[in-house]
Amino acid sequence: MDFIDDPKFGHTKNRLPVFLVPVIMLATVVLGIFASKIYISSVLDHHNEESGDN
């Protein structure tokens, strides 16, 4: 576990704080869900417009 806790290579400057990683991951998931809902609703609305009145 020493390798994970104290890496000896890679970036040492401008490293992302550890507490921000879950926040960014959660924000990415929420934005993905929101974007997919918008996309699905636009596709369904477009399909309804194509079908017209029955």
N, C-alpha and C. Protein backbone atom coordinates (compact mmCIF):
# COMPACT_ATOMS: atom_id res chain seq x y z
N MET A 1 0.81 -1.21 0.00
CA MET A 1 0.00 0.00 0.00
C MET A 1 0.85 1.27 0.00
N ASP A 2 2.13 1.13 0.18
CA ASP A 2 2.98 2.31 0.20
C ASP A 2 2.98 3.01 -1.15
N PHE A 3 2.87 2.23 -2.23
CA PHE A 3 2.87 2.82 -3.56
C PHE A 3 1.66 3.71 -3.77
N ILE A 4 0.50 3.29 -3.30
CA ILE A 4 -0.72 4.07 -3.49
C ILE A 4 -0.71 5.30 -2.57
N ASP A 5 -0.28 5.12 -1.34
CA ASP A 5 -0.32 6.21 -0.38
C ASP A 5 0.76 7.26 -0.64
N ASP A 6 1.90 6.85 -1.16
CA ASP A 6 3.01 7.78 -1.37
C ASP A 6 3.69 7.48 -2.70
N PRO A 7 3.09 7.91 -3.80
CA PRO A 7 3.70 7.61 -5.09
C PRO A 7 5.01 8.37 -5.26
N LYS A 8 5.96 7.76 -5.94
CA LYS A 8 7.27 8.37 -6.12
C LYS A 8 7.43 8.98 -7.51
N PHE A 9 6.39 8.92 -8.34
CA PHE A 9 6.48 9.50 -9.67
C PHE A 9 5.21 10.27 -9.96
N GLY A 10 5.21 11.05 -11.02
CA GLY A 10 4.02 11.80 -11.41
C GLY A 10 4.07 13.22 -10.91
N HIS A 11 2.93 13.83 -10.87
CA HIS A 11 2.85 15.24 -10.51
C HIS A 11 2.97 15.42 -9.01
N THR A 12 3.75 16.38 -8.63
CA THR A 12 3.84 16.74 -7.22
C THR A 12 3.28 18.13 -7.00
N LYS A 13 3.25 18.95 -8.06
CA LYS A 13 2.67 20.30 -7.97
C LYS A 13 1.26 20.27 -8.54
N ASN A 14 0.43 21.17 -8.05
CA ASN A 14 -0.95 21.33 -8.53
C ASN A 14 -1.73 20.02 -8.48
N ARG A 15 -1.51 19.24 -7.44
CA ARG A 15 -2.24 17.99 -7.27
C ARG A 15 -3.64 18.29 -6.76
N LEU A 16 -4.61 17.54 -7.21
CA LEU A 16 -6.00 17.73 -6.79
C LEU A 16 -6.16 17.28 -5.34
N PRO A 17 -6.77 18.12 -4.49
CA PRO A 17 -6.99 17.69 -3.11
C PRO A 17 -7.87 16.45 -3.05
N VAL A 18 -7.58 15.58 -2.10
CA VAL A 18 -8.27 14.29 -2.03
C VAL A 18 -9.76 14.46 -1.77
N PHE A 19 -10.16 15.46 -1.01
CA PHE A 19 -11.58 15.62 -0.70
C PHE A 19 -12.38 16.09 -1.92
N LEU A 20 -11.73 16.63 -2.93
CA LEU A 20 -12.46 17.07 -4.12
C LEU A 20 -12.76 15.94 -5.09
N VAL A 21 -12.04 14.85 -4.99
CA VAL A 21 -12.23 13.75 -5.94
C VAL A 21 -13.65 13.19 -5.88
N PRO A 22 -14.19 12.82 -4.71
CA PRO A 22 -15.58 12.33 -4.70
C PRO A 22 -16.59 13.39 -5.11
N VAL A 23 -16.31 14.65 -4.80
CA VAL A 23 -17.22 15.73 -5.19
C VAL A 23 -17.28 15.83 -6.71
N ILE A 24 -16.13 15.77 -7.36
CA ILE A 24 -16.09 15.85 -8.82
C ILE A 24 -16.75 14.63 -9.44
N MET A 25 -16.52 13.46 -8.85
CA MET A 25 -17.14 12.24 -9.38
C MET A 25 -18.67 12.32 -9.26
N LEU A 26 -19.17 12.76 -8.12
CA LEU A 26 -20.61 12.89 -7.93
C LEU A 26 -21.20 13.92 -8.88
N ALA A 27 -20.51 15.04 -9.06
CA ALA A 27 -21.00 16.07 -9.98
C ALA A 27 -21.05 15.54 -11.41
N THR A 28 -20.06 14.74 -11.79
CA THR A 28 -20.04 14.15 -13.13
C THR A 28 -21.22 13.21 -13.32
N VAL A 29 -21.51 12.40 -12.32
CA VAL A 29 -22.64 11.47 -12.41
C VAL A 29 -23.96 12.23 -12.50
N VAL A 30 -24.12 13.25 -11.67
CA VAL A 30 -25.36 14.03 -11.68
C VAL A 30 -25.54 14.75 -13.01
N LEU A 31 -24.47 15.34 -13.52
CA LEU A 31 -24.56 16.01 -14.82
C LEU A 31 -24.86 15.02 -15.94
N GLY A 32 -24.30 13.82 -15.86
CA GLY A 32 -24.59 12.80 -16.86
C GLY A 32 -26.05 12.38 -16.84
N ILE A 33 -26.59 12.20 -15.65
CA ILE A 33 -28.00 11.84 -15.53
C ILE A 33 -28.88 12.96 -16.07
N PHE A 34 -28.55 14.19 -15.72
CA PHE A 34 -29.33 15.34 -16.17
C PHE A 34 -29.27 15.46 -17.69
N ALA A 35 -28.08 15.31 -18.26
CA ALA A 35 -27.93 15.42 -19.71
C ALA A 35 -28.67 14.29 -20.42
N SER A 36 -28.63 13.08 -19.86
CA SER A 36 -29.33 11.97 -20.51
C SER A 36 -30.84 12.16 -20.44
N LYS A 37 -31.34 12.73 -19.34
CA LYS A 37 -32.78 12.99 -19.26
C LYS A 37 -33.21 14.03 -20.29
N ILE A 38 -32.40 15.06 -20.47
CA ILE A 38 -32.71 16.07 -21.48
C ILE A 38 -32.69 15.45 -22.88
N TYR A 39 -31.68 14.62 -23.14
CA TYR A 39 -31.56 13.99 -24.46
C TYR A 39 -32.74 13.06 -24.72
N ILE A 40 -33.10 12.25 -23.74
CA ILE A 40 -34.21 11.31 -23.91
C ILE A 40 -35.52 12.07 -24.13
N SER A 41 -35.74 13.13 -23.37
CA SER A 41 -36.99 13.88 -23.55
C SER A 41 -37.03 14.56 -24.92
N SER A 42 -35.88 15.04 -25.40
CA SER A 42 -35.88 15.67 -26.73
C SER A 42 -36.12 14.63 -27.82
N VAL A 43 -35.56 13.43 -27.66
CA VAL A 43 -35.80 12.38 -28.65
C VAL A 43 -37.26 11.96 -28.64
N LEU A 44 -37.85 11.82 -27.47
CA LEU A 44 -39.26 11.43 -27.40
C LEU A 44 -40.16 12.53 -27.96
N ASP A 45 -39.84 13.79 -27.68
CA ASP A 45 -40.63 14.89 -28.23
C ASP A 45 -40.52 14.92 -29.75
N HIS A 46 -39.32 14.69 -30.27
CA HIS A 46 -39.12 14.68 -31.72
C HIS A 46 -39.90 13.53 -32.35
N HIS A 47 -39.92 12.39 -31.70
CA HIS A 47 -40.67 11.24 -32.21
C HIS A 47 -42.17 11.55 -32.22
N ASN A 48 -42.66 12.23 -31.17
CA ASN A 48 -44.08 12.58 -31.11
C ASN A 48 -44.44 13.57 -32.20
N GLU A 49 -43.54 14.49 -32.54
CA GLU A 49 -43.82 15.45 -33.61
C GLU A 49 -43.87 14.76 -34.96
N GLU A 50 -43.03 13.75 -35.17
CA GLU A 50 -43.01 13.05 -36.46
C GLU A 50 -44.29 12.22 -36.65
N SER A 51 -44.79 11.64 -35.57
CA SER A 51 -45.96 10.78 -35.71
C SER A 51 -47.21 11.60 -36.02
N GLY A 52 -47.28 12.83 -35.58
CA GLY A 52 -48.41 13.69 -35.89
C GLY A 52 -49.67 13.26 -35.18
N ASP A 53 -50.81 13.74 -35.65
CA ASP A 53 -52.09 13.38 -35.05
C ASP A 53 -52.58 12.09 -35.67
N ASN A 54 -53.07 11.21 -34.82
CA ASN A 54 -53.58 9.92 -35.32
C ASN A 54 -55.05 9.99 -35.53
